[in-house]
Amino acid sequence: AREARERAEEELRQKVSQLEYHHSQANLA
């Protein structure tokens, strides 16, 4: 779960599409 949180946080820091951003937000939550 910590690794998934770290991956999602890193994805949120990158410039991605709006869909990918919302997907990363859901993974982080």
PDB file of all heavy atoms in Angstrom:
ATOM      1  N   ALA A   1       0.827  -1.207   0.000  1.00  0.00           N
ATOM      2  CA  ALA A   1       0.000   0.000   0.000  1.00  0.00           C
ATOM      3  C   ALA A   1       0.865   1.261   0.000  1.00  0.00           C
ATOM      4  O   ALA A   1       0.550   2.237  -0.684  1.00  0.00           O
ATOM      5  CB  ALA A   1      -0.944  -0.004   1.196  1.00  0.00           C
ATOM      6  N   ARG A   2       1.969   1.243   0.756  1.00  0.00           N
ATOM      7  CA  ARG A   2       2.881   2.399   0.759  1.00  0.00           C
ATOM      8  C   ARG A   2       3.513   2.591  -0.617  1.00  0.00           C
ATOM      9  O   ARG A   2       3.641   3.716  -1.105  1.00  0.00           O
ATOM     10  CB  ARG A   2       3.967   2.226   1.830  1.00  0.00           C
ATOM     11  CG  ARG A   2       3.497   2.567   3.236  1.00  0.00           C
ATOM     12  CD  ARG A   2       4.663   2.642   4.211  1.00  0.00           C
ATOM     13  NE  ARG A   2       5.362   1.380   4.367  1.00  0.00           N
ATOM     14  CZ  ARG A   2       5.008   0.421   5.221  1.00  0.00           C
ATOM     15  NH1 ARG A   2       3.969   0.584   6.003  1.00  0.00           N
ATOM     16  NH2 ARG A   2       5.702  -0.693   5.288  1.00  0.00           N
ATOM     17  N   GLU A   3       3.897   1.488  -1.260  1.00  0.00           N
ATOM     18  CA  GLU A   3       4.469   1.575  -2.605  1.00  0.00           C
ATOM     19  C   GLU A   3       3.447   2.122  -3.595  1.00  0.00           C
ATOM     20  O   GLU A   3       3.789   2.940  -4.456  1.00  0.00           O
ATOM     21  CB  GLU A   3       4.965   0.204  -3.060  1.00  0.00           C
ATOM     22  CG  GLU A   3       6.207  -0.258  -2.331  1.00  0.00           C
ATOM     23  CD  GLU A   3       6.587  -1.706  -2.646  1.00  0.00           C
ATOM     24  OE1 GLU A   3       5.828  -2.394  -3.372  1.00  0.00           O
ATOM     25  OE2 GLU A   3       7.631  -2.160  -2.138  1.00  0.00           O
ATOM     26  N   ALA A   4       2.186   1.706  -3.468  1.00  0.00           N
ATOM     27  CA  ALA A   4       1.132   2.217  -4.345  1.00  0.00           C
ATOM     28  C   ALA A   4       0.924   3.711  -4.106  1.00  0.00           C
ATOM     29  O   ALA A   4       0.728   4.480  -5.055  1.00  0.00           O
ATOM     30  CB  ALA A   4      -0.173   1.455  -4.105  1.00  0.00           C
ATOM     31  N   ARG A   5       0.998   4.124  -2.853  1.00  0.00           N
ATOM     32  CA  ARG A   5       0.864   5.552  -2.534  1.00  0.00           C
ATOM     33  C   ARG A   5       1.997   6.347  -3.171  1.00  0.00           C
ATOM     34  O   ARG A   5       1.777   7.380  -3.793  1.00  0.00           O
ATOM     35  CB  ARG A   5       0.859   5.755  -1.013  1.00  0.00           C
ATOM     36  CG  ARG A   5       0.753   7.232  -0.610  1.00  0.00           C
ATOM     37  CD  ARG A   5       0.925   7.441   0.857  1.00  0.00           C
ATOM     38  NE  ARG A   5       2.293   7.068   1.228  1.00  0.00           N
ATOM     39  CZ  ARG A   5       2.667   6.817   2.472  1.00  0.00           C
ATOM     40  NH1 ARG A   5       1.802   6.866   3.455  1.00  0.00           N
ATOM     41  NH2 ARG A   5       3.919   6.507   2.740  1.00  0.00           N
ATOM     42  N   GLU A   6       3.227   5.835  -3.046  1.00  0.00           N
ATOM     43  CA  GLU A   6       4.392   6.528  -3.612  1.00  0.00           C
ATOM     44  C   GLU A   6       4.301   6.615  -5.131  1.00  0.00           C
ATOM     45  O   GLU A   6       4.607   7.654  -5.724  1.00  0.00           O
ATOM     46  CB  GLU A   6       5.681   5.831  -3.171  1.00  0.00           C
ATOM     47  CG  GLU A   6       5.967   5.994  -1.693  1.00  0.00           C
ATOM     48  CD  GLU A   6       7.049   5.061  -1.177  1.00  0.00           C
ATOM     49  OE1 GLU A   6       7.681   4.340  -1.985  1.00  0.00           O
ATOM     50  OE2 GLU A   6       7.241   5.036   0.048  1.00  0.00           O
ATOM     51  N   ARG A   7       3.869   5.536  -5.785  1.00  0.00           N
ATOM     52  CA  ARG A   7       3.704   5.544  -7.246  1.00  0.00           C
ATOM     53  C   ARG A   7       2.667   6.586  -7.660  1.00  0.00           C
ATOM     54  O   ARG A   7       2.881   7.356  -8.587  1.00  0.00           O
ATOM     55  CB  ARG A   7       3.265   4.170  -7.752  1.00  0.00           C
ATOM     56  CG  ARG A   7       4.381   3.225  -8.059  1.00  0.00           C
ATOM     57  CD  ARG A   7       3.896   2.011  -8.836  1.00  0.00           C
ATOM     58  NE  ARG A   7       2.708   1.380  -8.285  1.00  0.00           N
ATOM     59  CZ  ARG A   7       2.719   0.458  -7.317  1.00  0.00           C
ATOM     60  NH1 ARG A   7       3.860   0.060  -6.791  1.00  0.00           N
ATOM     61  NH2 ARG A   7       1.593  -0.063  -6.881  1.00  0.00           N
ATOM     62  N   ALA A   8       1.545   6.617  -6.951  1.00  0.00           N
ATOM     63  CA  ALA A   8       0.479   7.559  -7.286  1.00  0.00           C
ATOM     64  C   ALA A   8       0.930   8.997  -7.056  1.00  0.00           C
ATOM     65  O   ALA A   8       0.630   9.886  -7.870  1.00  0.00           O
ATOM     66  CB  ALA A   8      -0.771   7.258  -6.465  1.00  0.00           C
ATOM     67  N   GLU A   9       1.659   9.240  -5.983  1.00  0.00           N
ATOM     68  CA  GLU A   9       2.166  10.592  -5.722  1.00  0.00           C
ATOM     69  C   GLU A   9       3.119  11.040  -6.829  1.00  0.00           C
ATOM     70  O   GLU A   9       3.074  12.186  -7.272  1.00  0.00           O
ATOM     71  CB  GLU A   9       2.854  10.652  -4.357  1.00  0.00           C
ATOM     72  CG  GLU A   9       1.889  10.569  -3.196  1.00  0.00           C
ATOM     73  CD  GLU A   9       2.562  10.404  -1.846  1.00  0.00           C
ATOM     74  OE1 GLU A   9       3.756  10.004  -1.791  1.00  0.00           O
ATOM     75  OE2 GLU A   9       1.896  10.673  -0.836  1.00  0.00           O
ATOM     76  N   GLU A  10       3.974  10.121  -7.277  1.00  0.00           N
ATOM     77  CA  GLU A  10       4.906  10.443  -8.361  1.00  0.00           C
ATOM     78  C   GLU A  10       4.139  10.720  -9.657  1.00  0.00           C
ATOM     79  O   GLU A  10       4.456  11.662 -10.391  1.00  0.00           O
ATOM     80  CB  GLU A  10       5.910   9.305  -8.562  1.00  0.00           C
ATOM     81  CG  GLU A  10       6.893   9.528  -9.692  1.00  0.00           C
ATOM     82  CD  GLU A  10       7.734  10.795  -9.527  1.00  0.00           C
ATOM     83  OE1 GLU A  10       8.058  11.168  -8.381  1.00  0.00           O
ATOM     84  OE2 GLU A  10       8.059  11.417 -10.557  1.00  0.00           O
ATOM     85  N   GLU A  11       3.137   9.922  -9.957  1.00  0.00           N
ATOM     86  CA  GLU A  11       2.339  10.130 -11.164  1.00  0.00           C
ATOM     87  C   GLU A  11       1.639  11.487 -11.124  1.00  0.00           C
ATOM     88  O   GLU A  11       1.515  12.148 -12.152  1.00  0.00           O
ATOM     89  CB  GLU A  11       1.299   9.013 -11.309  1.00  0.00           C
ATOM     90  CG  GLU A  11       1.906   7.671 -11.675  1.00  0.00           C
ATOM     91  CD  GLU A  11       0.920   6.521 -11.561  1.00  0.00           C
ATOM     92  OE1 GLU A  11      -0.254   6.752 -11.179  1.00  0.00           O
ATOM     93  OE2 GLU A  11       1.327   5.378 -11.830  1.00  0.00           O
ATOM     94  N   LEU A  12       1.197  11.903  -9.937  1.00  0.00           N
ATOM     95  CA  LEU A  12       0.516  13.194  -9.812  1.00  0.00           C
ATOM     96  C   LEU A  12       1.474  14.368 -10.042  1.00  0.00           C
ATOM     97  O   LEU A  12       1.044  15.451 -10.435  1.00  0.00           O
ATOM     98  CB  LEU A  12      -0.155  13.319  -8.444  1.00  0.00           C
ATOM     99  CG  LEU A  12      -1.408  12.470  -8.256  1.00  0.00           C
ATOM    100  CD1 LEU A  12      -1.858  12.497  -6.800  1.00  0.00           C
ATOM    101  CD2 LEU A  12      -2.519  12.941  -9.168  1.00  0.00           C
ATOM    102  N   ARG A  13       2.757  14.170  -9.776  1.00  0.00           N
ATOM    103  CA  ARG A  13       3.744  15.230  -9.986  1.00  0.00           C
ATOM    104  C   ARG A  13       4.089  15.413 -11.463  1.00  0.00           C
ATOM    105  O   ARG A  13       4.623  16.442 -11.861  1.00  0.00           O
ATOM    106  CB  ARG A  13       5.020  14.928  -9.189  1.00  0.00           C
ATOM    107  CG  ARG A  13       4.884  15.199  -7.698  1.00  0.00           C
ATOM    108  CD  ARG A  13       6.226  15.124  -7.005  1.00  0.00           C
ATOM    109  NE  ARG A  13       6.700  13.774  -6.810  1.00  0.00           N
ATOM    110  CZ  ARG A  13       6.410  13.006  -5.753  1.00  0.00           C
ATOM    111  NH1 ARG A  13       5.641  13.465  -4.805  1.00  0.00           N
ATOM    112  NH2 ARG A  13       6.889  11.800  -5.655  1.00  0.00           N
ATOM    113  N   GLN A  14       3.816  14.405 -12.277  1.00  0.00           N
ATOM    114  CA  GLN A  14       4.154  14.470 -13.703  1.00  0.00           C
ATOM    115  C   GLN A  14       3.019  15.120 -14.490  1.00  0.00           C
ATOM    116  O   GLN A  14       1.860  15.088 -14.077  1.00  0.00           O
ATOM    117  CB  GLN A  14       4.414  13.060 -14.237  1.00  0.00           C
ATOM    118  CG  GLN A  14       5.570  12.378 -13.544  1.00  0.00           C
ATOM    119  CD  GLN A  14       5.712  10.936 -13.966  1.00  0.00           C
ATOM    120  OE1 GLN A  14       5.033  10.471 -14.861  1.00  0.00           O
ATOM    121  NE2 GLN A  14       6.617  10.223 -13.312  1.00  0.00           N
ATOM    122  N   LYS A  15       3.370  15.693 -15.628  1.00  0.00           N
ATOM    123  CA  LYS A  15       2.342  16.260 -16.496  1.00  0.00           C
ATOM    124  C   LYS A  15       1.706  15.109 -17.268  1.00  0.00           C
ATOM    125  O   LYS A  15       2.369  14.427 -18.049  1.00  0.00           O
ATOM    126  CB  LYS A  15       2.955  17.268 -17.462  1.00  0.00           C
ATOM    127  CG  LYS A  15       3.356  18.545 -16.795  1.00  0.00           C
ATOM    128  CD  LYS A  15       3.642  19.604 -17.818  1.00  0.00           C
ATOM    129  CE  LYS A  15       3.861  20.911 -17.093  1.00  0.00           C
ATOM    130  NZ  LYS A  15       3.671  22.044 -17.942  1.00  0.00           N
ATOM    131  N   VAL A  16       0.435  14.905 -17.021  1.00  0.00           N
ATOM    132  CA  VAL A  16      -0.295  13.820 -17.675  1.00  0.00           C
ATOM    133  C   VAL A  16      -1.655  14.346 -18.115  1.00  0.00           C
ATOM    134  O   VAL A  16      -2.048  15.458 -17.780  1.00  0.00           O
ATOM    135  CB  VAL A  16      -0.477  12.618 -16.715  1.00  0.00           C
ATOM    136  CG1 VAL A  16       0.854  11.964 -16.394  1.00  0.00           C
ATOM    137  CG2 VAL A  16      -1.185  13.038 -15.437  1.00  0.00           C
ATOM    138  N   SER A  17      -2.372  13.523 -18.837  1.00  0.00           N
ATOM    139  CA  SER A  17      -3.718  13.913 -19.272  1.00  0.00           C
ATOM    140  C   SER A  17      -4.644  14.003 -18.061  1.00  0.00           C
ATOM    141  O   SER A  17      -4.344  13.485 -16.985  1.00  0.00           O
ATOM    142  CB  SER A  17      -4.269  12.885 -20.262  1.00  0.00           C
ATOM    143  OG  SER A  17      -4.567  11.682 -19.592  1.00  0.00           O
ATOM    144  N   GLN A  18      -5.765  14.636 -18.260  1.00  0.00           N
ATOM    145  CA  GLN A  18      -6.735  14.783 -17.173  1.00  0.00           C
ATOM    146  C   GLN A  18      -7.230  13.419 -16.710  1.00  0.00           C
ATOM    147  O   GLN A  18      -7.397  13.189 -15.509  1.00  0.00           O
ATOM    148  CB  GLN A  18      -7.906  15.654 -17.627  1.00  0.00           C
ATOM    149  CG  GLN A  18      -8.795  16.098 -16.495  1.00  0.00           C
ATOM    150  CD  GLN A  18      -9.818  17.111 -16.946  1.00  0.00           C
ATOM    151  OE1 GLN A  18     -10.190  17.160 -18.107  1.00  0.00           O
ATOM    152  NE2 GLN A  18     -10.285  17.916 -16.019  1.00  0.00           N
ATOM    153  N   LEU A  19      -7.444  12.495 -17.627  1.00  0.00           N
ATOM    154  CA  LEU A  19      -7.891  11.146 -17.270  1.00  0.00           C
ATOM    155  C   LEU A  19      -6.841  10.438 -16.418  1.00  0.00           C
ATOM    156  O   LEU A  19      -7.165   9.828 -15.394  1.00  0.00           O
ATOM    157  CB  LEU A  19      -8.190  10.337 -18.541  1.00  0.00           C
ATOM    158  CG  LEU A  19      -8.612   8.888 -18.319  1.00  0.00           C
ATOM    159  CD1 LEU A  19      -9.917   8.824 -17.528  1.00  0.00           C
ATOM    160  CD2 LEU A  19      -8.765   8.175 -19.647  1.00  0.00           C
ATOM    161  N   GLU A  20      -5.580  10.515 -16.833  1.00  0.00           N
ATOM    162  CA  GLU A  20      -4.500   9.881 -16.059  1.00  0.00           C
ATOM    163  C   GLU A  20      -4.369  10.527 -14.681  1.00  0.00           C
ATOM    164  O   GLU A  20      -4.102   9.847 -13.694  1.00  0.00           O
ATOM    165  CB  GLU A  20      -3.180   9.989 -16.817  1.00  0.00           C
ATOM    166  CG  GLU A  20      -3.132   9.129 -18.065  1.00  0.00           C
ATOM    167  CD  GLU A  20      -1.914   9.421 -18.927  1.00  0.00           C
ATOM    168  OE1 GLU A  20      -1.557  10.606 -19.079  1.00  0.00           O
ATOM    169  OE2 GLU A  20      -1.331   8.446 -19.450  1.00  0.00           O
ATOM    170  N   TYR A  21      -4.556  11.838 -14.608  1.00  0.00           N
ATOM    171  CA  TYR A  21      -4.495  12.546 -13.337  1.00  0.00           C
ATOM    172  C   TYR A  21      -5.566  12.033 -12.377  1.00  0.00           C
ATOM    173  O   TYR A  21      -5.280  11.729 -11.222  1.00  0.00           O
ATOM    174  CB  TYR A  21      -4.673  14.049 -13.570  1.00  0.00           C
ATOM    175  CG  TYR A  21      -4.692  14.858 -12.296  1.00  0.00           C
ATOM    176  CD1 TYR A  21      -3.503  15.205 -11.652  1.00  0.00           C
ATOM    177  CD2 TYR A  21      -5.896  15.268 -11.731  1.00  0.00           C
ATOM    178  CE1 TYR A  21      -3.515  15.935 -10.476  1.00  0.00           C
ATOM    179  CE2 TYR A  21      -5.907  16.006 -10.554  1.00  0.00           C
ATOM    180  CZ  TYR A  21      -4.724  16.337  -9.933  1.00  0.00           C
ATOM    181  OH  TYR A  21      -4.738  17.053  -8.775  1.00  0.00           O
ATOM    182  N   HIS A  22      -6.807  11.889 -12.863  1.00  0.00           N
ATOM    183  CA  HIS A  22      -7.895  11.400 -12.010  1.00  0.00           C
ATOM    184  C   HIS A  22      -7.681   9.939 -11.617  1.00  0.00           C
ATOM    185  O   HIS A  22      -8.005   9.539 -10.493  1.00  0.00           O
ATOM    186  CB  HIS A  22      -9.249  11.596 -12.694  1.00  0.00           C
ATOM    187  CG  HIS A  22      -9.658  13.032 -12.756  1.00  0.00           C
ATOM    188  ND1 HIS A  22      -9.969  13.774 -11.645  1.00  0.00           N
ATOM    189  CD2 HIS A  22      -9.778  13.871 -13.810  1.00  0.00           C
ATOM    190  CE1 HIS A  22     -10.273  15.000 -11.989  1.00  0.00           C
ATOM    191  NE2 HIS A  22     -10.158  15.094 -13.306  1.00  0.00           N
ATOM    192  N   HIS A  23      -7.118   9.166 -12.513  1.00  0.00           N
ATOM    193  CA  HIS A  23      -6.803   7.769 -12.209  1.00  0.00           C
ATOM    194  C   HIS A  23      -5.748   7.705 -11.088  1.00  0.00           C
ATOM    195  O   HIS A  23      -5.875   6.918 -10.151  1.00  0.00           O
ATOM    196  CB  HIS A  23      -6.306   7.056 -13.470  1.00  0.00           C
ATOM    197  CG  HIS A  23      -6.016   5.608 -13.283  1.00  0.00           C
ATOM    198  ND1 HIS A  23      -7.010   4.664 -13.126  1.00  0.00           N
ATOM    199  CD2 HIS A  23      -4.840   4.940 -13.205  1.00  0.00           C
ATOM    200  CE1 HIS A  23      -6.450   3.477 -12.960  1.00  0.00           C
ATOM    201  NE2 HIS A  23      -5.144   3.620 -13.011  1.00  0.00           N
ATOM    202  N   SER A  24      -4.724   8.557 -11.179  1.00  0.00           N
ATOM    203  CA  SER A  24      -3.687   8.602 -10.145  1.00  0.00           C
ATOM    204  C   SER A  24      -4.254   9.081  -8.819  1.00  0.00           C
ATOM    205  O   SER A  24      -3.889   8.574  -7.763  1.00  0.00           O
ATOM    206  CB  SER A  24      -2.538   9.521 -10.578  1.00  0.00           C
ATOM    207  OG  SER A  24      -1.902   9.001 -11.717  1.00  0.00           O
ATOM    208  N   GLN A  25      -5.172  10.048  -8.867  1.00  0.00           N
ATOM    209  CA  GLN A  25      -5.820  10.518  -7.642  1.00  0.00           C
ATOM    210  C   GLN A  25      -6.588   9.386  -6.972  1.00  0.00           C
ATOM    211  O   GLN A  25      -6.544   9.227  -5.749  1.00  0.00           O
ATOM    212  CB  GLN A  25      -6.794  11.655  -7.947  1.00  0.00           C
ATOM    213  CG  GLN A  25      -6.197  13.018  -7.893  1.00  0.00           C
ATOM    214  CD  GLN A  25      -7.278  14.080  -7.993  1.00  0.00           C
ATOM    215  OE1 GLN A  25      -8.260  13.937  -8.726  1.00  0.00           O
ATOM    216  NE2 GLN A  25      -7.074  15.152  -7.266  1.00  0.00           N
ATOM    217  N   ALA A  26      -7.298   8.595  -7.753  1.00  0.00           N
ATOM    218  CA  ALA A  26      -8.065   7.474  -7.205  1.00  0.00           C
ATOM    219  C   ALA A  26      -7.130   6.428  -6.602  1.00  0.00           C
ATOM    220  O   ALA A  26      -7.404   5.875  -5.531  1.00  0.00           O
ATOM    221  CB  ALA A  26      -8.934   6.839  -8.295  1.00  0.00           C
ATOM    222  N   ASN A  27      -6.014   6.149  -7.279  1.00  0.00           N
ATOM    223  CA  ASN A  27      -5.036   5.199  -6.740  1.00  0.00           C
ATOM    224  C   ASN A  27      -4.463   5.688  -5.420  1.00  0.00           C
ATOM    225  O   ASN A  27      -4.283   4.905  -4.477  1.00  0.00           O
ATOM    226  CB  ASN A  27      -3.900   4.966  -7.740  1.00  0.00           C
ATOM    227  CG  ASN A  27      -4.330   4.152  -8.932  1.00  0.00           C
ATOM    228  OD1 ASN A  27      -5.345   3.456  -8.892  1.00  0.00           O
ATOM    229  ND2 ASN A  27      -3.587   4.244 -10.012  1.00  0.00           N
ATOM    230  N   LEU A  28      -4.162   6.976  -5.342  1.00  0.00           N
ATOM    231  CA  LEU A  28      -3.624   7.551  -4.114  1.00  0.00           C
ATOM    232  C   LEU A  28      -4.651   7.466  -2.989  1.00  0.00           C
ATOM    233  O   LEU A  28      -4.322   7.047  -1.871  1.00  0.00           O
ATOM    234  CB  LEU A  28      -3.216   9.007  -4.342  1.00  0.00           C
ATOM    235  CG  LEU A  28      -2.684   9.753  -3.115  1.00  0.00           C
ATOM    236  CD1 LEU A  28      -1.454   9.067  -2.545  1.00  0.00           C
ATOM    237  CD2 LEU A  28      -2.389  11.206  -3.476  1.00  0.00           C
ATOM    238  N   ALA A  29      -5.892   7.802  -3.262  1.00  0.00           N
ATOM    239  CA  ALA A  29      -6.939   7.747  -2.239  1.00  0.00           C
ATOM    240  C   ALA A  29      -7.136   6.319  -1.730  1.00  0.00           C
ATOM    241  O   ALA A  29      -7.273   6.092  -0.522  1.00  0.00           O
ATOM    242  CB  ALA A  29      -8.250   8.293  -2.803  1.00  0.00           C
TER     243      ALA A  29
END
